[in-house]
Amino acid sequence: MISDQELRLIYGKDIAISRKGLFALVHLDRPAQELIRERTEEFNPETFFCEHCPFCQMVKDSGVLIFNDAVFEEDETLDD
């Protein structure tokens, strides 16, 4: 299992991390503690991932799930 320190090296020192079972849930959008708690409690790997989806399988195998509900600024693009 990847450590919190390793996750902070990859995603930044200010991320929020929660854990459920073998999964690390990384919250890039800096949500309130209540939302972190809700995401963690509701996360169920048995129902969250699609059975025949290669991307879902890759994420499931990694053990790291990323949450980022941050909204882009009006003039921001993915190329910025």
N, C-alpha and C. Protein backbone atom coordinates (compact mmCIF):
# COMPACT_ATOMS: atom_id res chain seq x y z
N MET A 1 0.85 -1.17 0.00
CA MET A 1 0.00 0.00 0.00
C MET A 1 0.90 1.24 0.00
N ILE A 2 0.52 2.20 -0.80
CA ILE A 2 1.29 3.44 -0.91
C ILE A 2 1.11 4.28 0.36
N SER A 3 2.19 4.88 0.80
CA SER A 3 2.14 5.65 2.04
C SER A 3 1.62 7.07 1.80
N ASP A 4 1.20 7.72 2.88
CA ASP A 4 0.77 9.11 2.80
C ASP A 4 1.91 9.98 2.29
N GLN A 5 3.12 9.70 2.73
CA GLN A 5 4.28 10.48 2.31
C GLN A 5 4.48 10.36 0.79
N GLU A 6 4.35 9.16 0.26
CA GLU A 6 4.49 8.96 -1.19
C GLU A 6 3.38 9.68 -1.95
N LEU A 7 2.17 9.63 -1.43
CA LEU A 7 1.05 10.32 -2.08
C LEU A 7 1.29 11.84 -2.09
N ARG A 8 1.82 12.37 -1.00
CA ARG A 8 2.09 13.82 -0.94
C ARG A 8 3.21 14.22 -1.89
N LEU A 9 4.17 13.34 -2.13
CA LEU A 9 5.23 13.61 -3.10
C LEU A 9 4.65 13.67 -4.52
N ILE A 10 3.67 12.83 -4.78
CA ILE A 10 3.07 12.77 -6.12
C ILE A 10 2.05 13.89 -6.33
N TYR A 11 1.15 14.11 -5.37
CA TYR A 11 0.00 14.99 -5.57
C TYR A 11 0.10 16.34 -4.85
N GLY A 12 1.10 16.52 -4.01
CA GLY A 12 1.27 17.79 -3.31
C GLY A 12 1.10 17.64 -1.81
N LYS A 13 1.80 18.47 -1.08
CA LYS A 13 1.85 18.33 0.37
C LYS A 13 0.55 18.71 1.07
N ASP A 14 -0.33 19.46 0.40
CA ASP A 14 -1.56 19.95 1.04
C ASP A 14 -2.80 19.11 0.74
N ILE A 15 -2.62 17.94 0.15
CA ILE A 15 -3.78 17.10 -0.17
C ILE A 15 -4.36 16.49 1.10
N ALA A 16 -5.63 16.15 1.02
CA ALA A 16 -6.28 15.40 2.09
C ALA A 16 -6.31 13.93 1.66
N ILE A 17 -6.02 13.05 2.59
CA ILE A 17 -5.99 11.61 2.31
C ILE A 17 -6.86 10.90 3.34
N SER A 18 -7.72 10.02 2.84
CA SER A 18 -8.46 9.14 3.72
C SER A 18 -8.23 7.72 3.23
N ARG A 19 -8.54 6.77 4.05
CA ARG A 19 -8.31 5.37 3.68
C ARG A 19 -9.54 4.53 3.98
N LYS A 20 -9.77 3.59 3.09
CA LYS A 20 -10.86 2.63 3.29
C LYS A 20 -10.37 1.29 2.77
N GLY A 21 -10.24 0.34 3.67
CA GLY A 21 -9.70 -0.96 3.28
C GLY A 21 -8.30 -0.79 2.72
N LEU A 22 -8.07 -1.34 1.54
CA LEU A 22 -6.77 -1.25 0.90
C LEU A 22 -6.62 -0.02 0.02
N PHE A 23 -7.61 0.87 0.04
CA PHE A 23 -7.60 2.02 -0.85
C PHE A 23 -7.23 3.32 -0.13
N ALA A 24 -6.45 4.14 -0.84
CA ALA A 24 -6.16 5.50 -0.40
C ALA A 24 -7.04 6.41 -1.25
N LEU A 25 -7.81 7.26 -0.60
CA LEU A 25 -8.66 8.21 -1.29
C LEU A 25 -7.98 9.57 -1.18
N VAL A 26 -7.59 10.13 -2.30
CA VAL A 26 -6.88 11.40 -2.35
C VAL A 26 -7.86 12.48 -2.77
N HIS A 27 -7.98 13.50 -1.95
CA HIS A 27 -8.94 14.58 -2.17
C HIS A 27 -8.17 15.83 -2.59
N LEU A 28 -8.07 16.05 -3.91
CA LEU A 28 -7.30 17.18 -4.43
C LEU A 28 -8.04 18.50 -4.30
N ASP A 29 -9.35 18.44 -4.13
CA ASP A 29 -10.18 19.65 -4.13
C ASP A 29 -10.33 20.28 -2.76
N ARG A 30 -9.60 19.80 -1.78
CA ARG A 30 -9.60 20.35 -0.42
C ARG A 30 -11.02 20.51 0.15
N PRO A 31 -11.78 19.43 0.18
CA PRO A 31 -13.15 19.53 0.68
C PRO A 31 -13.20 19.64 2.21
N ALA A 32 -14.36 19.97 2.71
CA ALA A 32 -14.59 20.01 4.15
C ALA A 32 -14.48 18.58 4.71
N GLN A 33 -14.18 18.48 5.99
CA GLN A 33 -14.04 17.19 6.65
C GLN A 33 -15.30 16.33 6.49
N GLU A 34 -16.46 16.97 6.50
CA GLU A 34 -17.72 16.24 6.34
C GLU A 34 -17.79 15.54 4.98
N LEU A 35 -17.36 16.21 3.92
CA LEU A 35 -17.37 15.61 2.58
C LEU A 35 -16.34 14.48 2.50
N ILE A 36 -15.19 14.67 3.10
CA ILE A 36 -14.19 13.60 3.13
C ILE A 36 -14.76 12.38 3.82
N ARG A 37 -15.39 12.59 4.95
CA ARG A 37 -16.01 11.50 5.71
C ARG A 37 -17.10 10.81 4.86
N GLU A 38 -17.91 11.60 4.19
CA GLU A 38 -18.99 11.05 3.36
C GLU A 38 -18.43 10.22 2.21
N ARG A 39 -17.43 10.77 1.51
CA ARG A 39 -16.81 10.03 0.40
C ARG A 39 -16.22 8.71 0.89
N THR A 40 -15.55 8.77 2.02
CA THR A 40 -14.90 7.57 2.55
C THR A 40 -15.93 6.53 2.96
N GLU A 41 -16.97 6.95 3.67
CA GLU A 41 -18.00 6.01 4.12
C GLU A 41 -18.75 5.39 2.95
N GLU A 42 -19.01 6.18 1.91
CA GLU A 42 -19.80 5.69 0.78
C GLU A 42 -19.00 4.88 -0.24
N PHE A 43 -17.68 4.99 -0.19
CA PHE A 43 -16.85 4.28 -1.16
C PHE A 43 -16.92 2.78 -0.92
N ASN A 44 -17.32 2.05 -1.95
CA ASN A 44 -17.38 0.60 -1.91
C ASN A 44 -16.75 0.08 -3.20
N PRO A 45 -15.54 -0.48 -3.14
CA PRO A 45 -14.88 -0.92 -4.36
C PRO A 45 -15.64 -1.99 -5.13
N GLU A 46 -16.50 -2.73 -4.44
CA GLU A 46 -17.28 -3.77 -5.11
C GLU A 46 -18.32 -3.18 -6.07
N THR A 47 -18.81 -1.99 -5.77
CA THR A 47 -19.83 -1.37 -6.63
C THR A 47 -19.31 -0.15 -7.38
N PHE A 48 -18.20 0.42 -6.94
CA PHE A 48 -17.69 1.66 -7.55
C PHE A 48 -17.11 1.42 -8.94
N PHE A 49 -16.37 0.34 -9.10
CA PHE A 49 -15.66 0.08 -10.36
C PHE A 49 -16.49 -0.79 -11.29
N CYS A 50 -16.44 -0.47 -12.58
CA CYS A 50 -17.10 -1.29 -13.61
C CYS A 50 -16.28 -2.56 -13.80
N GLU A 51 -16.96 -3.66 -13.90
CA GLU A 51 -16.30 -4.96 -13.96
C GLU A 51 -15.42 -5.16 -15.19
N HIS A 52 -15.85 -4.67 -16.35
CA HIS A 52 -15.12 -4.95 -17.60
C HIS A 52 -14.44 -3.71 -18.18
N CYS A 53 -14.25 -2.70 -17.37
CA CYS A 53 -13.64 -1.46 -17.84
C CYS A 53 -12.13 -1.49 -17.54
N PRO A 54 -11.29 -1.39 -18.58
CA PRO A 54 -9.84 -1.43 -18.35
C PRO A 54 -9.35 -0.28 -17.46
N PHE A 55 -9.92 0.90 -17.62
CA PHE A 55 -9.51 2.03 -16.79
C PHE A 55 -9.87 1.78 -15.33
N CYS A 56 -11.10 1.31 -15.09
CA CYS A 56 -11.52 1.01 -13.72
C CYS A 56 -10.62 -0.05 -13.10
N GLN A 57 -10.26 -1.04 -13.87
CA GLN A 57 -9.39 -2.10 -13.36
C GLN A 57 -8.01 -1.54 -13.00
N MET A 58 -7.49 -0.63 -13.83
CA MET A 58 -6.19 -0.03 -13.56
C MET A 58 -6.23 0.78 -12.26
N VAL A 59 -7.29 1.57 -12.08
CA VAL A 59 -7.43 2.37 -10.86
C VAL A 59 -7.60 1.45 -9.65
N LYS A 60 -8.41 0.42 -9.79
CA LYS A 60 -8.64 -0.53 -8.70
C LYS A 60 -7.34 -1.20 -8.29
N ASP A 61 -6.56 -1.61 -9.28
CA ASP A 61 -5.28 -2.28 -9.00
C ASP A 61 -4.28 -1.34 -8.34
N SER A 62 -4.36 -0.04 -8.65
CA SER A 62 -3.42 0.92 -8.07
C SER A 62 -3.69 1.15 -6.58
N GLY A 63 -4.95 1.01 -6.18
CA GLY A 63 -5.31 1.25 -4.79
C GLY A 63 -5.43 2.72 -4.44
N VAL A 64 -5.40 3.60 -5.44
CA VAL A 64 -5.48 5.04 -5.21
C VAL A 64 -6.63 5.60 -6.02
N LEU A 65 -7.55 6.25 -5.35
CA LEU A 65 -8.70 6.87 -6.00
C LEU A 65 -8.61 8.37 -5.80
N ILE A 66 -8.72 9.13 -6.88
CA ILE A 66 -8.56 10.58 -6.84
C ILE A 66 -9.93 11.24 -6.90
N PHE A 67 -10.16 12.17 -6.00
CA PHE A 67 -11.35 13.02 -6.02
C PHE A 67 -10.91 14.44 -6.29
N ASN A 68 -11.56 15.09 -7.26
CA ASN A 68 -11.26 16.49 -7.54
C ASN A 68 -12.48 17.14 -8.16
N ASP A 69 -13.31 17.74 -7.34
CA ASP A 69 -14.50 18.43 -7.81
C ASP A 69 -14.25 19.91 -8.03
N ALA A 70 -12.98 20.31 -8.06
CA ALA A 70 -12.65 21.72 -8.26
C ALA A 70 -13.17 22.17 -9.63
N VAL A 71 -13.67 23.39 -9.68
CA VAL A 71 -14.23 23.95 -10.90
C VAL A 71 -13.18 24.83 -11.55
N PHE A 72 -13.03 24.67 -12.87
CA PHE A 72 -12.11 25.54 -13.60
C PHE A 72 -12.64 26.96 -13.63
N GLU A 73 -11.72 27.90 -13.58
CA GLU A 73 -12.09 29.29 -13.76
C GLU A 73 -12.63 29.46 -15.18
N GLU A 74 -13.41 30.49 -15.40
CA GLU A 74 -14.07 30.70 -16.69
C GLU A 74 -13.10 30.70 -17.86
N ASP A 75 -11.94 31.35 -17.71
CA ASP A 75 -11.00 31.46 -18.81
C ASP A 75 -9.89 30.40 -18.74
N GLU A 76 -9.98 29.46 -17.83
CA GLU A 76 -9.01 28.40 -17.71
C GLU A 76 -9.32 27.29 -18.70
N THR A 77 -8.29 26.70 -19.27
CA THR A 77 -8.46 25.56 -20.16
C THR A 77 -7.55 24.45 -19.69
N LEU A 78 -7.73 23.28 -20.23
CA LEU A 78 -6.89 22.15 -19.86
C LEU A 78 -5.45 22.35 -20.34
N ASP A 79 -5.24 23.22 -21.34
CA ASP A 79 -3.90 23.44 -21.87
C ASP A 79 -3.08 24.39 -21.00
N ASP A 80 -3.72 25.12 -20.08
CA ASP A 80 -3.00 26.08 -19.24
C ASP A 80 -2.13 25.38 -18.24
